[in-house]
Amino acid sequence: MSYNILIADDHILFLEGLLTLLKSEEDLHVLLATDSGDKALAYIRGNQQKPLHLLITDISMPGMDGITLNNQVKATWPGIKTLVVSMHTDTSMIDNLVKNDVDGFISKNADSTELLQAIRTILKGGKFFSENVKKAYVEGIFHKEKNTLETLTTREKEVLRLIAEEHTTQEIADKLFLSKHTIESYRKILLYKLNARNLAGLTKYAIKLGLLEEK
């Protein structure tokens, strides 16, 4: 049996390496490799006649992120398997994905053997999570009482404070000498970490944590 795969990842080097790896497997066929969740979802919706067996996605991408993509795919097409490949191993993100039936989650620094093992395991109906992902998840569960502020990195706190001060994404990028895309990724990560629904929710957290007083 052959399997059809769709990949959503905006990191060119990783994407090229993954495509090279999959080309060496005769029964694994890549239908599309795209750099955004929006394009991936549009492809799935527009190609229902062609069976899709596995979606491999990053988390941080322009537009729709990988967590939202996984959740929408699972809600609409539960038969499609999903594998998240990301450097982010935050407990809240993993928890969100698990609650929305993700089939696997591995780190981007996984070697080709582990990556293929994850793909094969999932296609056979199993679940696959990297050891470091499982460790991060378990440690996060045991430290749920930890102060929320302590779970944020220095950069995340900087971005959160600037959001609360009503700076635009471009203004924050300019102030921190980062790209607009990077700031958008930080914003999405903060929404998941703080379980906030929108920017207003982030602002409330910044006030609650006293970040507006930090200069």
Protein backbone atom coordinates (compact mmCIF):
# COMPACT_ATOMS: atom_id res chain seq x y z
CA MET A 1 0.00 0.00 0.00
CA SER A 2 1.18 3.53 -0.75
CA TYR A 3 0.53 6.55 1.46
CA ASN A 4 -0.13 10.17 0.52
CA ILE A 5 1.47 12.86 2.67
CA LEU A 6 1.05 16.63 2.93
CA ILE A 7 3.73 18.80 4.57
CA ALA A 8 3.28 22.30 6.03
CA ASP A 9 6.55 23.91 7.16
CA ASP A 10 8.17 27.26 6.39
CA HIS A 11 11.72 26.25 7.32
CA ILE A 12 13.33 25.61 3.93
CA LEU A 13 16.31 23.56 5.09
CA PHE A 14 14.18 21.23 7.20
CA LEU A 15 11.60 20.91 4.43
CA GLU A 16 14.23 20.04 1.83
CA GLY A 17 15.75 17.43 4.13
CA LEU A 18 12.34 15.88 4.83
CA LEU A 19 11.47 15.75 1.13
CA THR A 20 14.78 14.04 0.36
CA LEU A 21 14.13 11.50 3.11
CA LEU A 22 10.62 10.71 1.91
CA LYS A 23 11.72 10.34 -1.72
CA SER A 24 13.86 7.39 -0.64
CA GLU A 25 10.74 5.57 0.58
CA GLU A 26 8.87 4.03 -2.37
CA ASP A 27 5.50 3.82 -0.63
CA LEU A 28 5.47 7.39 0.72
CA HIS A 29 4.26 10.06 -1.72
CA VAL A 30 4.23 13.80 -1.00
CA LEU A 31 1.17 15.42 -2.57
CA LEU A 32 2.11 18.93 -1.49
CA ALA A 33 4.81 20.73 0.49
CA THR A 34 3.72 24.22 1.52
CA ASP A 35 4.88 26.94 3.90
CA SER A 36 1.59 27.74 5.66
CA GLY A 37 -1.34 26.15 7.41
CA ASP A 38 -3.80 28.15 5.31
CA LYS A 39 -2.45 26.69 2.06
CA ALA A 40 -2.43 23.19 3.52
CA LEU A 41 -6.06 23.46 4.64
CA ALA A 42 -7.11 24.91 1.27
CA TYR A 43 -5.45 21.99 -0.52
CA ILE A 44 -7.22 19.41 1.64
CA ARG A 45 -10.58 21.08 1.08
CA GLY A 46 -10.05 21.29 -2.67
CA ASN A 47 -8.76 17.76 -3.22
CA GLN A 48 -11.23 15.51 -1.45
CA GLN A 49 -11.10 13.00 -4.32
CA LYS A 50 -7.47 12.20 -3.53
CA PRO A 51 -6.99 10.36 -0.21
CA LEU A 52 -4.62 11.99 2.28
CA HIS A 53 -3.17 9.68 4.89
CA LEU A 54 -0.79 11.91 6.85
CA LEU A 55 -0.31 15.62 7.51
CA ILE A 56 3.12 16.64 8.80
CA THR A 57 3.17 20.19 10.17
CA ASP A 58 5.34 22.67 12.03
CA ILE A 59 3.77 24.87 14.73
CA SER A 60 5.06 28.37 13.94
CA MET A 61 4.18 29.40 10.38
CA PRO A 62 2.88 32.53 8.64
CA GLY A 63 -0.90 32.78 8.94
CA MET A 64 -2.53 29.67 10.40
CA ASP A 65 -0.24 27.89 12.86
CA GLY A 66 0.21 24.14 13.08
CA ILE A 67 -1.88 23.71 16.23
CA THR A 68 -4.90 25.38 14.64
CA LEU A 69 -4.30 23.38 11.46
CA ASN A 70 -4.21 20.09 13.38
CA ASN A 71 -7.36 20.96 15.30
CA GLN A 72 -9.33 21.94 12.20
CA VAL A 73 -8.21 18.89 10.24
CA LYS A 74 -9.09 16.52 13.08
CA ALA A 75 -12.48 18.18 13.58
CA THR A 76 -13.38 17.93 9.89
CA TRP A 77 -11.45 14.89 8.64
CA PRO A 78 -10.72 12.68 11.67
CA GLY A 79 -9.39 9.94 9.40
CA ILE A 80 -6.34 12.01 8.42
CA LYS A 81 -3.34 11.26 10.64
CA THR A 82 -1.32 14.23 11.94
CA LEU A 83 2.31 14.54 13.01
CA VAL A 84 3.67 17.77 14.50
CA VAL A 85 7.40 18.41 14.07
CA SER A 86 8.57 21.44 16.03
CA MET A 87 11.25 22.92 18.27
CA HIS A 88 8.50 24.11 20.65
CA THR A 89 7.76 21.63 23.45
CA ASP A 90 5.67 23.82 25.73
CA THR A 91 3.28 21.82 27.91
CA SER A 92 0.20 23.87 27.01
CA MET A 93 0.85 23.37 23.29
CA ILE A 94 1.33 19.62 23.67
CA ASP A 95 -1.78 19.43 25.86
CA ASN A 96 -3.84 21.31 23.27
CA LEU A 97 -2.69 18.97 20.51
CA VAL A 98 -3.28 15.81 22.55
CA LYS A 99 -6.80 16.96 23.43
CA ASN A 100 -7.42 17.44 19.70
CA ASP A 101 -6.29 13.93 18.74
CA VAL A 102 -2.84 14.63 17.29
CA ASP A 103 -1.20 11.33 16.36
CA GLY A 104 2.39 12.30 17.03
CA PHE A 105 4.78 15.06 18.10
CA ILE A 106 8.54 14.97 17.63
CA SER A 107 11.30 17.53 17.92
CA LYS A 108 12.85 19.06 14.83
CA ASN A 109 16.25 17.88 15.98
CA ALA A 110 15.12 14.25 15.67
CA ASP A 111 17.27 12.20 13.30
CA SER A 112 15.97 10.60 10.11
CA THR A 113 15.56 7.19 11.78
CA GLU A 114 13.26 8.56 14.47
CA LEU A 115 11.34 10.66 11.95
CA LEU A 116 10.66 7.63 9.74
CA GLN A 117 9.77 5.58 12.81
CA ALA A 118 7.21 8.22 13.80
CA ILE A 119 5.71 8.31 10.30
CA ARG A 120 5.51 4.51 10.01
CA THR A 121 4.06 4.10 13.50
CA ILE A 122 1.34 6.67 12.87
CA LEU A 123 0.43 5.30 9.43
CA LYS A 124 -0.06 1.89 11.04
CA GLY A 125 -2.54 3.39 13.50
CA GLY A 126 -0.25 4.04 16.45
CA LYS A 127 0.86 7.15 18.32
CA PHE A 128 4.41 8.49 18.46
CA PHE A 129 5.91 11.13 20.75
CA SER A 130 9.63 11.86 21.08
CA GLU A 131 11.18 11.17 24.48
CA ASN A 132 11.99 14.85 25.00
CA VAL A 133 8.40 15.78 24.14
CA LYS A 134 7.03 13.25 26.64
CA LYS A 135 9.50 14.47 29.26
CA ALA A 136 8.53 18.12 28.72
CA TYR A 137 4.85 17.22 28.95
CA VAL A 138 5.19 15.19 32.15
CA GLU A 139 7.37 17.83 33.81
CA GLY A 140 4.85 20.49 32.85
CA ILE A 141 1.99 18.51 34.39
CA PHE A 142 3.90 18.21 37.68
CA HIS A 143 4.69 21.92 37.72
CA LYS A 144 1.26 23.32 36.89
CA GLU A 145 1.28 25.31 40.11
CA LYS A 146 4.41 27.14 39.05
CA ASN A 147 3.98 30.88 38.67
CA THR A 148 2.95 31.68 35.11
CA LEU A 149 5.53 34.43 34.80
CA GLU A 150 8.32 31.93 35.53
CA THR A 151 7.32 29.85 32.51
CA LEU A 152 7.90 32.75 30.13
CA THR A 153 11.30 33.43 28.61
CA THR A 154 12.83 36.89 28.84
CA ARG A 155 12.02 37.51 25.17
CA GLU A 156 8.43 36.35 25.61
CA LYS A 157 7.99 38.77 28.51
CA GLU A 158 9.41 41.59 26.38
CA VAL A 159 6.98 40.84 23.57
CA LEU A 160 4.06 40.50 26.00
CA ARG A 161 4.85 43.88 27.57
CA LEU A 162 5.07 45.60 24.19
CA ILE A 163 1.78 44.04 23.08
CA ALA A 164 0.14 45.35 26.26
CA GLU A 165 1.56 48.79 25.50
CA GLU A 166 -0.39 48.63 22.21
CA HIS A 167 2.59 48.53 19.86
CA THR A 168 1.93 47.04 16.43
CA THR A 169 3.64 43.84 15.31
CA GLN A 170 5.98 45.83 13.06
CA GLU A 171 6.84 48.27 15.86
CA ILE A 172 7.68 45.40 18.20
CA ALA A 173 9.82 43.80 15.50
CA ASP A 174 11.71 47.07 14.99
CA LYS A 175 12.25 47.59 18.73
CA LEU A 176 13.59 44.07 19.28
CA PHE A 177 15.47 43.87 15.95
CA LEU A 178 13.50 40.80 14.90
CA SER A 179 11.39 39.96 11.86
CA LYS A 180 7.64 40.56 11.79
CA HIS A 181 7.13 36.82 11.30
CA THR A 182 9.14 36.05 14.45
CA ILE A 183 7.00 38.44 16.50
CA GLU A 184 3.83 36.84 15.13
CA SER A 185 5.21 33.46 16.23
CA TYR A 186 5.88 34.81 19.73
CA ARG A 187 2.33 36.17 19.88
CA LYS A 188 0.87 32.76 19.01
CA ILE A 189 3.10 31.04 21.56
CA LEU A 190 1.99 33.50 24.25
CA LEU A 191 -1.67 32.88 23.44
CA TYR A 192 -1.17 29.15 23.98
CA LYS A 193 1.09 29.45 27.03
CA LEU A 194 -1.25 31.85 28.82
CA ASN A 195 -4.42 30.20 27.52
CA ALA A 196 -5.57 33.60 26.24
CA ARG A 197 -8.12 33.94 23.45
CA ASN A 198 -6.95 37.24 21.98
CA LEU A 199 -4.70 40.28 22.43
CA ALA A 200 -7.01 41.69 25.09
CA GLY A 201 -6.43 38.52 27.09
CA LEU A 202 -2.67 38.94 26.73
CA THR A 203 -2.92 42.53 27.94
CA LYS A 204 -4.84 41.42 31.03
CA TYR A 205 -2.10 38.89 31.79
CA ALA A 206 0.61 41.52 31.35
CA ILE A 207 -1.16 43.79 33.83
CA LYS A 208 -1.77 40.92 36.25
CA LEU A 209 1.89 39.92 36.12
CA GLY A 210 3.10 43.51 36.55
CA LEU A 211 4.96 43.61 33.24
CA LEU A 212 3.78 47.11 32.41
CA GLU A 213 5.86 48.34 35.31
CA GLU A 214 9.02 46.80 33.88
CA LYS A 215 11.09 49.24 31.86
